[in-house]
Each structure stands twice: as structure tokens, then as C-alpha cells.
Amino acid sequence: MRTIIKYVLLDLLKNKTIIVYTIILAALSVSVLSMGSNATKGLLSLLNITLLFVPIISILFSTIYFFNSIEFTELLLAQPIKRKTMLLASYTGVAFALGIAYIIGIGVPVCIFSYGPAALTLIISGLFLSLIFSALALLIFVLFKDKTKGIGAAIIIALFFTLLFDGLLLSFIYSFSDYPIEKPLLGMISLNPVDLGRILVLLQLDVAVMMGYSGALFKKFLGSATGSIYVFACMMFWIVIPLFLSVRKFRKKDL
């Protein structure tokens, strides 16, 4: 398994897309953090960049990479290697590469210009999103045989979580505003890893104006510490469940 991870990781670290992704994140981070003296505003700007770019890039790049590596996958399966081992090793290599790109692009500048608990939480949140959307990409690869359909599914999932989900949530809040819906909303928010990443950082920043309805709910019912633990647990489930479903489906998949 280590050999596969090493091969995939070394291959991806030389990939032009990963290099450009890292450079763009670094350029955005340095420009945002060096423009003003207010560290909180800089972190909020980087949070918005993270929530928009990381899910989309992670799921699209991972999906394309998995489909392009189908011949390498078939070659590995011809060897005495378990399907589960091969699949998880490929995922680990891709997730590590995206995580390293995020750490270099945003993590290093943040630690230099605005080191603190909120900065570390932002880095952790971005890493979680990289891992989650890489896991979703792996599930897409396992479920779809056609590369075009897989990429289409990746785009739909990315747009749903980054843009459409909040609109549906607001519609739900508006439609049932006369009822006590606070606690059910906590469960609904848990269904969107992008919202969880946003809340995780905002709970550390404690910016009341920017927390929004969802952040205020977590603050009210769970508090900062318990809310952060709950968000961590939910994001772990968002990694584990797609990986579990991918492994289960891949064992029976006919390549």
C-alpha cells in the first residue's frame, strides 16, 4: 500500500494542475493577508476562497485523475493486491497531494501573517474539505463507468454543496418560519460539508455578524467548544462514509 501511495503522490506533486493550484492559492493568500492590518477580515476572505475553490477543484481534479488512471488501476488489479488496498492507496495519494497543495498555498502564508487558533482552524477546515471531496470523487469513479458522466456528476455535486444547498436551506427556513425548526436545521446543516467548514472557522473567530443563521444556531445550542467537536465528527463521517461505500461497491465492480 505504501508503494502505491508513494507512486501516486510523487506523480501528482509533479502534476501541472497541482502546481498551478498551489501557486494560485499562495498568490491569493499573500495578497489578501498583506493588504490590510485586520487579521480577522483577511481570514474571512481566505475562508470564502477556501469554501469556493477547494471543493470544486478537489472533486473535479480527483474525478478526472481517477478516470485517467483506469489503465494503471487495471494493471494493479492484475497483481496479487486486494481491491480495497489499491483503492484506498490511490485515494490517499490524491488526498495527500491536494492537502499538501492547500497547506503550501494557504497554510504557510496564514501561519506567517496571521498565526493563531482561528488560522489553524481555517487550515484544518480546508484540509477536511480536500479529503471529503476527494472521497466523493472516488465514489463517483466507482459508481460511473463513463468518464463524461462522472465529471458531470462531480460538477453537479460541487455546485450543489457550494451554491444550491444554502438556497434550499433558506427556502426551508422561510416556508416553516412559524414552527420551531432550530433543532432540525442543525441536522440539515450537517448534510453539507461546506457549511460545516464555514461554521468551524466562524466559531473560532466568533464574528457574530458573519456567522449567519446556521452559525448562530450552533453557537446557541452547542456553544463554541461542543459545536466544534460536533462539526469535526460530522466531517469525519463525510470522509468515512463515501470511502466505505466506494470500497463496498468496488469489490463487485467489473472493470
C-alpha atoms as a PDB file:
ATOM      1  CA  MET A   1       0.000   0.000   0.000  1.00  0.00           C
ATOM      2  CA  ARG A   2       2.860   2.387   0.836  1.00  0.00           C
ATOM      3  CA  THR A   3       4.410   1.811  -2.575  1.00  0.00           C
ATOM      4  CA  ILE A   4       1.174   2.732  -4.368  1.00  0.00           C
ATOM      5  CA  ILE A   5       0.687   5.833  -2.211  1.00  0.00           C
ATOM      6  CA  LYS A   6       4.284   6.897  -2.864  1.00  0.00           C
ATOM      7  CA  TYR A   7       3.940   6.423  -6.635  1.00  0.00           C
ATOM      8  CA  VAL A   8       0.625   8.312  -6.837  1.00  0.00           C
ATOM      9  CA  LEU A   9       1.863  11.108  -4.564  1.00  0.00           C
ATOM     10  CA  LEU A  10       5.136  11.626  -6.454  1.00  0.00           C
ATOM     11  CA  ASP A  11       3.259  11.586  -9.749  1.00  0.00           C
ATOM     12  CA  LEU A  12       0.760  14.203  -8.547  1.00  0.00           C
ATOM     13  CA  LEU A  13       3.309  16.513  -6.951  1.00  0.00           C
ATOM     14  CA  LYS A  14       4.801  16.946 -10.430  1.00  0.00           C
ATOM     15  CA  ASN A  15       1.376  17.468 -11.991  1.00  0.00           C
ATOM     16  CA  LYS A  16       0.990  20.922 -13.572  1.00  0.00           C
ATOM     17  CA  THR A  17      -2.578  21.296 -12.284  1.00  0.00           C
ATOM     18  CA  ILE A  18      -1.487  20.756  -8.675  1.00  0.00           C
ATOM     19  CA  ILE A  19       1.408  23.192  -9.100  1.00  0.00           C
ATOM     20  CA  VAL A  20      -0.823  25.898 -10.641  1.00  0.00           C
ATOM     21  CA  TYR A  21      -3.463  25.278  -7.929  1.00  0.00           C
ATOM     22  CA  THR A  22      -0.817  25.780  -5.234  1.00  0.00           C
ATOM     23  CA  ILE A  23       0.553  28.952  -6.842  1.00  0.00           C
ATOM     24  CA  ILE A  24      -2.922  30.489  -7.226  1.00  0.00           C
ATOM     25  CA  LEU A  25      -3.814  29.768  -3.595  1.00  0.00           C
ATOM     26  CA  ALA A  26      -0.494  31.200  -2.424  1.00  0.00           C
ATOM     27  CA  ALA A  27      -0.908  34.348  -4.534  1.00  0.00           C
ATOM     28  CA  LEU A  28      -4.440  34.906  -3.238  1.00  0.00           C
ATOM     29  CA  SER A  29      -3.366  34.286   0.368  1.00  0.00           C
ATOM     30  CA  VAL A  30      -0.406  36.644   0.294  1.00  0.00           C
ATOM     31  CA  SER A  31      -2.354  39.393  -1.471  1.00  0.00           C
ATOM     32  CA  VAL A  32      -5.325  39.164   0.905  1.00  0.00           C
ATOM     33  CA  LEU A  33      -3.279  38.971   4.107  1.00  0.00           C
ATOM     34  CA  SER A  34      -0.814  41.704   3.153  1.00  0.00           C
ATOM     35  CA  MET A  35      -3.435  44.225   2.027  1.00  0.00           C
ATOM     36  CA  GLY A  36      -4.830  45.158   5.446  1.00  0.00           C
ATOM     37  CA  SER A  37      -3.921  45.165   9.101  1.00  0.00           C
ATOM     38  CA  ASN A  38      -7.159  43.467  10.212  1.00  0.00           C
ATOM     39  CA  ALA A  39      -6.319  39.773  10.580  1.00  0.00           C
ATOM     40  CA  THR A  40      -9.962  38.741  11.042  1.00  0.00           C
ATOM     41  CA  LYS A  41     -11.032  40.259   7.722  1.00  0.00           C
ATOM     42  CA  GLY A  42      -8.134  38.550   5.990  1.00  0.00           C
ATOM     43  CA  LEU A  43      -9.074  35.157   7.447  1.00  0.00           C
ATOM     44  CA  LEU A  44     -12.718  35.654   6.470  1.00  0.00           C
ATOM     45  CA  SER A  45     -11.662  36.437   2.894  1.00  0.00           C
ATOM     46  CA  LEU A  46      -9.494  33.313   2.797  1.00  0.00           C
ATOM     47  CA  LEU A  47     -12.386  31.323   4.265  1.00  0.00           C
ATOM     48  CA  ASN A  48     -14.605  32.390   1.361  1.00  0.00           C
ATOM     49  CA  ILE A  49     -11.842  31.476  -1.107  1.00  0.00           C
ATOM     50  CA  THR A  50     -11.427  28.089   0.584  1.00  0.00           C
ATOM     51  CA  LEU A  51     -15.157  27.327   0.584  1.00  0.00           C
ATOM     52  CA  LEU A  52     -15.477  28.198  -3.097  1.00  0.00           C
ATOM     53  CA  PHE A  53     -12.324  26.824  -4.714  1.00  0.00           C
ATOM     54  CA  VAL A  54     -11.255  23.844  -2.585  1.00  0.00           C
ATOM     55  CA  PRO A  55     -14.433  21.717  -3.009  1.00  0.00           C
ATOM     56  CA  ILE A  56     -14.702  22.370  -6.757  1.00  0.00           C
ATOM     57  CA  ILE A  57     -11.032  21.831  -7.557  1.00  0.00           C
ATOM     58  CA  SER A  58     -10.720  18.809  -5.254  1.00  0.00           C
ATOM     59  CA  ILE A  59     -13.687  16.894  -6.639  1.00  0.00           C
ATOM     60  CA  LEU A  60     -13.047  17.768 -10.298  1.00  0.00           C
ATOM     61  CA  PHE A  61      -9.321  17.084 -10.241  1.00  0.00           C
ATOM     62  CA  SER A  62      -9.733  13.844  -8.268  1.00  0.00           C
ATOM     63  CA  THR A  63     -12.523  12.568 -10.513  1.00  0.00           C
ATOM     64  CA  ILE A  64     -10.538  13.247 -13.682  1.00  0.00           C
ATOM     65  CA  TYR A  65      -7.400  11.699 -12.184  1.00  0.00           C
ATOM     66  CA  PHE A  66      -9.185   8.503 -11.117  1.00  0.00           C
ATOM     67  CA  PHE A  67     -10.734   8.042 -14.557  1.00  0.00           C
ATOM     68  CA  ASN A  68      -7.463   8.808 -16.350  1.00  0.00           C
ATOM     69  CA  SER A  69      -5.689   6.246 -14.159  1.00  0.00           C
ATOM     70  CA  ILE A  70      -8.019   3.390 -15.108  1.00  0.00           C
ATOM     71  CA  GLU A  71      -5.250   1.547 -17.019  1.00  0.00           C
ATOM     72  CA  PHE A  72      -2.921   1.846 -14.019  1.00  0.00           C
ATOM     73  CA  THR A  73      -5.760   0.544 -11.828  1.00  0.00           C
ATOM     74  CA  GLU A  74      -6.294  -2.472 -14.087  1.00  0.00           C
ATOM     75  CA  LEU A  75      -2.547  -3.179 -14.038  1.00  0.00           C
ATOM     76  CA  LEU A  76      -2.514  -3.130 -10.233  1.00  0.00           C
ATOM     77  CA  LEU A  77      -5.551  -5.410 -10.043  1.00  0.00           C
ATOM     78  CA  ALA A  78      -3.682  -7.939 -12.169  1.00  0.00           C
ATOM     79  CA  GLN A  79      -1.181  -8.191  -9.308  1.00  0.00           C
ATOM     80  CA  PRO A  80      -1.822 -10.032  -6.027  1.00  0.00           C
ATOM     81  CA  ILE A  81      -3.196  -6.862  -4.401  1.00  0.00           C
ATOM     82  CA  LYS A  82      -6.556  -6.566  -2.678  1.00  0.00           C
ATOM     83  CA  ARG A  83      -9.013  -4.229  -4.333  1.00  0.00           C
ATOM     84  CA  LYS A  84      -9.615  -2.419  -1.049  1.00  0.00           C
ATOM     85  CA  THR A  85      -5.890  -1.788  -0.579  1.00  0.00           C
ATOM     86  CA  MET A  86      -5.436  -0.490  -4.109  1.00  0.00           C
ATOM     87  CA  LEU A  87      -8.456   1.809  -3.963  1.00  0.00           C
ATOM     88  CA  LEU A  88      -7.643   3.320  -0.564  1.00  0.00           C
ATOM     89  CA  ALA A  89      -3.983   3.764  -1.541  1.00  0.00           C
ATOM     90  CA  SER A  90      -4.976   5.694  -4.687  1.00  0.00           C
ATOM     91  CA  TYR A  91      -7.337   7.858  -2.667  1.00  0.00           C
ATOM     92  CA  THR A  92      -4.688   8.527  -0.026  1.00  0.00           C
ATOM     93  CA  GLY A  93      -2.177   9.643  -2.648  1.00  0.00           C
ATOM     94  CA  VAL A  94      -4.633  12.035  -4.309  1.00  0.00           C
ATOM     95  CA  ALA A  95      -5.923  13.409  -0.982  1.00  0.00           C
ATOM     96  CA  PHE A  96      -2.373  13.924   0.325  1.00  0.00           C
ATOM     97  CA  ALA A  97      -1.358  15.799  -2.837  1.00  0.00           C
ATOM     98  CA  LEU A  98      -4.353  18.142  -2.600  1.00  0.00           C
ATOM     99  CA  GLY A  99      -3.750  18.580   1.131  1.00  0.00           C
ATOM    100  CA  ILE A 100      -0.092  19.467   0.585  1.00  0.00           C
ATOM    101  CA  ALA A 101      -1.102  21.982  -2.105  1.00  0.00           C
ATOM    102  CA  TYR A 102      -3.545  23.617   0.314  1.00  0.00           C
ATOM    103  CA  ILE A 103      -1.030  23.730   3.165  1.00  0.00           C
ATOM    104  CA  ILE A 104       1.623  25.353   0.964  1.00  0.00           C
ATOM    105  CA  GLY A 105      -0.825  27.674  -0.774  1.00  0.00           C
ATOM    106  CA  ILE A 106      -2.866  28.886   2.196  1.00  0.00           C
ATOM    107  CA  GLY A 107      -1.472  27.264   5.340  1.00  0.00           C
ATOM    108  CA  VAL A 108       2.055  28.675   5.105  1.00  0.00           C
ATOM    109  CA  PRO A 109       1.034  32.295   4.322  1.00  0.00           C
ATOM    110  CA  VAL A 110      -1.623  32.211   7.064  1.00  0.00           C
ATOM    111  CA  CYS A 111       0.891  30.973   9.640  1.00  0.00           C
ATOM    112  CA  ILE A 112       3.355  33.696   8.598  1.00  0.00           C
ATOM    113  CA  PHE A 113       0.932  36.645   8.529  1.00  0.00           C
ATOM    114  CA  SER A 114      -1.826  35.694  10.976  1.00  0.00           C
ATOM    115  CA  TYR A 115      -0.892  32.734  13.160  1.00  0.00           C
ATOM    116  CA  GLY A 116      -3.423  31.789  15.839  1.00  0.00           C
ATOM    117  CA  PRO A 117      -6.250  29.363  16.742  1.00  0.00           C
ATOM    118  CA  ALA A 118      -8.544  30.745  14.029  1.00  0.00           C
ATOM    119  CA  ALA A 119      -5.788  30.410  11.417  1.00  0.00           C
ATOM    120  CA  LEU A 120      -5.134  26.789  12.398  1.00  0.00           C
ATOM    121  CA  THR A 121      -8.876  26.086  12.258  1.00  0.00           C
ATOM    122  CA  LEU A 122      -9.011  27.535   8.743  1.00  0.00           C
ATOM    123  CA  ILE A 123      -6.187  25.229   7.671  1.00  0.00           C
ATOM    124  CA  ILE A 124      -7.874  22.208   9.253  1.00  0.00           C
ATOM    125  CA  SER A 125     -11.178  23.117   7.617  1.00  0.00           C
ATOM    126  CA  GLY A 126      -9.544  23.346   4.179  1.00  0.00           C
ATOM    127  CA  LEU A 127      -7.795  20.013   4.676  1.00  0.00           C
ATOM    128  CA  PHE A 128     -11.075  18.383   5.679  1.00  0.00           C
ATOM    129  CA  LEU A 129     -12.787  19.735   2.562  1.00  0.00           C
ATOM    130  CA  SER A 130      -9.931  18.399   0.407  1.00  0.00           C
ATOM    131  CA  LEU A 131     -10.301  14.949   1.975  1.00  0.00           C
ATOM    132  CA  ILE A 132     -14.104  14.965   1.794  1.00  0.00           C
ATOM    133  CA  PHE A 133     -14.428  15.978  -1.844  1.00  0.00           C
ATOM    134  CA  SER A 134     -11.638  13.600  -2.854  1.00  0.00           C
ATOM    135  CA  ALA A 135     -13.622  10.823  -1.172  1.00  0.00           C
ATOM    136  CA  LEU A 136     -16.759  11.902  -3.060  1.00  0.00           C
ATOM    137  CA  ALA A 137     -14.743  11.855  -6.288  1.00  0.00           C
ATOM    138  CA  LEU A 138     -13.654   8.297  -5.531  1.00  0.00           C
ATOM    139  CA  LEU A 139     -17.284   7.293  -5.013  1.00  0.00           C
ATOM    140  CA  ILE A 140     -18.193   8.898  -8.358  1.00  0.00           C
ATOM    141  CA  PHE A 141     -15.391   6.953 -10.050  1.00  0.00           C
ATOM    142  CA  VAL A 142     -16.680   3.691  -8.611  1.00  0.00           C
ATOM    143  CA  LEU A 143     -20.337   4.372  -9.458  1.00  0.00           C
ATOM    144  CA  PHE A 144     -19.854   5.578 -13.051  1.00  0.00           C
ATOM    145  CA  LYS A 145     -18.142   3.746 -15.885  1.00  0.00           C
ATOM    146  CA  ASP A 146     -18.304   6.651 -18.316  1.00  0.00           C
ATOM    147  CA  LYS A 147     -15.808   9.456 -17.684  1.00  0.00           C
ATOM    148  CA  THR A 148     -18.089  12.176 -19.085  1.00  0.00           C
ATOM    149  CA  LYS A 149     -20.960  11.202 -16.802  1.00  0.00           C
ATOM    150  CA  GLY A 150     -18.577  11.042 -13.860  1.00  0.00           C
ATOM    151  CA  ILE A 151     -17.256  14.560 -14.493  1.00  0.00           C
ATOM    152  CA  GLY A 152     -20.821  15.803 -14.903  1.00  0.00           C
ATOM    153  CA  ALA A 153     -21.787  14.256 -11.569  1.00  0.00           C
ATOM    154  CA  ALA A 154     -18.739  15.872  -9.943  1.00  0.00           C
ATOM    155  CA  ILE A 155     -19.744  19.314 -11.255  1.00  0.00           C
ATOM    156  CA  ILE A 156     -23.327  18.873 -10.050  1.00  0.00           C
ATOM    157  CA  ILE A 157     -22.213  17.776  -6.570  1.00  0.00           C
ATOM    158  CA  ALA A 158     -19.745  20.656  -6.273  1.00  0.00           C
ATOM    159  CA  LEU A 159     -22.332  23.240  -7.350  1.00  0.00           C
ATOM    160  CA  PHE A 160     -24.967  21.723  -5.081  1.00  0.00           C
ATOM    161  CA  PHE A 161     -22.850  21.934  -1.941  1.00  0.00           C
ATOM    162  CA  THR A 162     -21.224  25.300  -2.683  1.00  0.00           C
ATOM    163  CA  LEU A 163     -24.214  27.192  -4.119  1.00  0.00           C
ATOM    164  CA  LEU A 164     -27.584  25.432  -4.203  1.00  0.00           C
ATOM    165  CA  PHE A 165     -27.743  23.928  -0.714  1.00  0.00           C
ATOM    166  CA  ASP A 166     -27.853  27.277   1.088  1.00  0.00           C
ATOM    167  CA  GLY A 167     -30.648  28.457  -1.207  1.00  0.00           C
ATOM    168  CA  LEU A 168     -32.704  25.359  -0.405  1.00  0.00           C
ATOM    169  CA  LEU A 169     -31.968  25.860   3.286  1.00  0.00           C
ATOM    170  CA  LEU A 170     -33.185  29.456   3.149  1.00  0.00           C
ATOM    171  CA  SER A 171     -36.345  28.327   1.352  1.00  0.00           C
ATOM    172  CA  PHE A 172     -36.987  25.773   4.082  1.00  0.00           C
ATOM    173  CA  ILE A 173     -36.446  28.397   6.798  1.00  0.00           C
ATOM    174  CA  TYR A 174     -38.809  30.834   5.052  1.00  0.00           C
ATOM    175  CA  SER A 175     -41.519  28.223   4.478  1.00  0.00           C
ATOM    176  CA  PHE A 176     -41.546  26.921   8.049  1.00  0.00           C
ATOM    177  CA  SER A 177     -40.586  30.086   9.911  1.00  0.00           C
ATOM    178  CA  ASP A 178     -43.705  29.821  12.109  1.00  0.00           C
ATOM    179  CA  TYR A 179     -42.560  26.473  13.540  1.00  0.00           C
ATOM    180  CA  PRO A 180     -39.716  25.575  15.934  1.00  0.00           C
ATOM    181  CA  ILE A 181     -37.264  24.336  13.307  1.00  0.00           C
ATOM    182  CA  GLU A 182     -33.966  25.197  15.005  1.00  0.00           C
ATOM    183  CA  LYS A 183     -33.003  21.664  16.010  1.00  0.00           C
ATOM    184  CA  PRO A 184     -33.997  20.017  12.694  1.00  0.00           C
ATOM    185  CA  LEU A 185     -31.912  22.683  10.955  1.00  0.00           C
ATOM    186  CA  LEU A 186     -28.842  21.537  12.874  1.00  0.00           C
ATOM    187  CA  GLY A 187     -29.288  18.118  11.288  1.00  0.00           C
ATOM    188  CA  MET A 188     -29.822  19.606   7.839  1.00  0.00           C
ATOM    189  CA  ILE A 189     -26.694  21.757   8.097  1.00  0.00           C
ATOM    190  CA  SER A 190     -24.739  18.587   8.928  1.00  0.00           C
ATOM    191  CA  LEU A 191     -25.594  17.349   5.432  1.00  0.00           C
ATOM    192  CA  ASN A 192     -23.377  19.992   3.822  1.00  0.00           C
ATOM    193  CA  PRO A 193     -19.615  19.732   4.466  1.00  0.00           C
ATOM    194  CA  VAL A 194     -19.055  23.237   3.046  1.00  0.00           C
ATOM    195  CA  ASP A 195     -21.375  24.758   5.667  1.00  0.00           C
ATOM    196  CA  LEU A 196     -19.659  22.683   8.339  1.00  0.00           C
ATOM    197  CA  GLY A 197     -16.281  24.051   7.271  1.00  0.00           C
ATOM    198  CA  ARG A 198     -17.606  27.612   7.399  1.00  0.00           C
ATOM    199  CA  ILE A 199     -19.133  27.157  10.853  1.00  0.00           C
ATOM    200  CA  LEU A 200     -15.969  25.526  12.198  1.00  0.00           C
ATOM    201  CA  VAL A 201     -13.917  28.637  11.402  1.00  0.00           C
ATOM    202  CA  LEU A 202     -16.593  31.147  12.413  1.00  0.00           C
ATOM    203  CA  LEU A 203     -16.974  29.514  15.819  1.00  0.00           C
ATOM    204  CA  GLN A 204     -13.301  30.263  16.407  1.00  0.00           C
ATOM    205  CA  LEU A 205     -13.457  33.787  15.046  1.00  0.00           C
ATOM    206  CA  ASP A 206     -16.678  34.472  16.981  1.00  0.00           C
ATOM    207  CA  VAL A 207     -17.800  37.064  14.432  1.00  0.00           C
ATOM    208  CA  ALA A 208     -21.474  37.490  15.277  1.00  0.00           C
ATOM    209  CA  VAL A 209     -22.330  39.486  12.136  1.00  0.00           C
ATOM    210  CA  MET A 210     -20.752  36.939   9.784  1.00  0.00           C
ATOM    211  CA  MET A 211     -21.998  33.770  11.476  1.00  0.00           C
ATOM    212  CA  GLY A 212     -25.397  33.859   9.812  1.00  0.00           C
ATOM    213  CA  TYR A 213     -28.394  31.811  10.860  1.00  0.00           C
ATOM    214  CA  SER A 214     -26.644  28.441  10.782  1.00  0.00           C
ATOM    215  CA  GLY A 215     -23.616  29.641  12.747  1.00  0.00           C
ATOM    216  CA  ALA A 216     -25.855  31.318  15.317  1.00  0.00           C
ATOM    217  CA  LEU A 217     -27.746  28.034  15.786  1.00  0.00           C
ATOM    218  CA  PHE A 218     -24.552  26.120  16.513  1.00  0.00           C
ATOM    219  CA  LYS A 219     -23.462  28.846  18.908  1.00  0.00           C
ATOM    220  CA  LYS A 220     -26.805  28.872  20.712  1.00  0.00           C
ATOM    221  CA  PHE A 221     -27.461  25.147  21.093  1.00  0.00           C
ATOM    222  CA  LEU A 222     -23.954  23.688  21.213  1.00  0.00           C
ATOM    223  CA  GLY A 223     -21.593  26.512  22.150  1.00  0.00           C
ATOM    224  CA  SER A 224     -18.159  27.041  20.628  1.00  0.00           C
ATOM    225  CA  ALA A 225     -16.328  24.011  22.079  1.00  0.00           C
ATOM    226  CA  THR A 226     -19.114  21.431  21.747  1.00  0.00           C
ATOM    227  CA  GLY A 227     -20.094  22.852  18.377  1.00  0.00           C
ATOM    228  CA  SER A 228     -16.545  22.466  17.072  1.00  0.00           C
ATOM    229  CA  ILE A 229     -16.392  18.842  18.273  1.00  0.00           C
ATOM    230  CA  TYR A 230     -19.735  18.122  16.606  1.00  0.00           C
ATOM    231  CA  VAL A 231     -18.547  19.675  13.334  1.00  0.00           C
ATOM    232  CA  PHE A 232     -15.310  17.632  13.456  1.00  0.00           C
ATOM    233  CA  ALA A 233     -17.330  14.441  13.973  1.00  0.00           C
ATOM    234  CA  CYS A 234     -19.681  15.248  11.079  1.00  0.00           C
ATOM    235  CA  MET A 235     -16.781  15.998   8.738  1.00  0.00           C
ATOM    236  CA  MET A 236     -15.115  12.714   9.694  1.00  0.00           C
ATOM    237  CA  PHE A 237     -18.338  10.919   8.737  1.00  0.00           C
ATOM    238  CA  TRP A 238     -18.266  12.749   5.396  1.00  0.00           C
ATOM    239  CA  ILE A 239     -14.871  11.150   4.755  1.00  0.00           C
ATOM    240  CA  VAL A 240     -15.545   7.674   6.118  1.00  0.00           C
ATOM    241  CA  ILE A 241     -18.978   7.026   4.579  1.00  0.00           C
ATOM    242  CA  PRO A 242     -18.037   7.734   0.913  1.00  0.00           C
ATOM    243  CA  LEU A 243     -14.871   5.650   1.344  1.00  0.00           C
ATOM    244  CA  PHE A 244     -16.851   2.783   2.868  1.00  0.00           C
ATOM    245  CA  LEU A 245     -19.407   2.876   0.036  1.00  0.00           C
ATOM    246  CA  SER A 246     -16.628   3.100  -2.560  1.00  0.00           C
ATOM    247  CA  VAL A 247     -14.786   0.056  -1.206  1.00  0.00           C
ATOM    248  CA  ARG A 248     -18.012  -1.938  -0.912  1.00  0.00           C
ATOM    249  CA  LYS A 249     -19.061  -1.139  -4.486  1.00  0.00           C
ATOM    250  CA  PHE A 250     -15.579  -1.533  -5.983  1.00  0.00           C
ATOM    251  CA  ARG A 251     -15.234  -5.120  -4.691  1.00  0.00           C
ATOM    252  CA  LYS A 252     -18.024  -6.153  -7.085  1.00  0.00           C
ATOM    253  CA  LYS A 253     -17.321  -3.722  -9.913  1.00  0.00           C
ATOM    254  CA  ASP A 254     -16.454  -5.179 -13.304  1.00  0.00           C
ATOM    255  CA  LEU A 255     -13.662  -3.122 -14.873  1.00  0.00           C
END
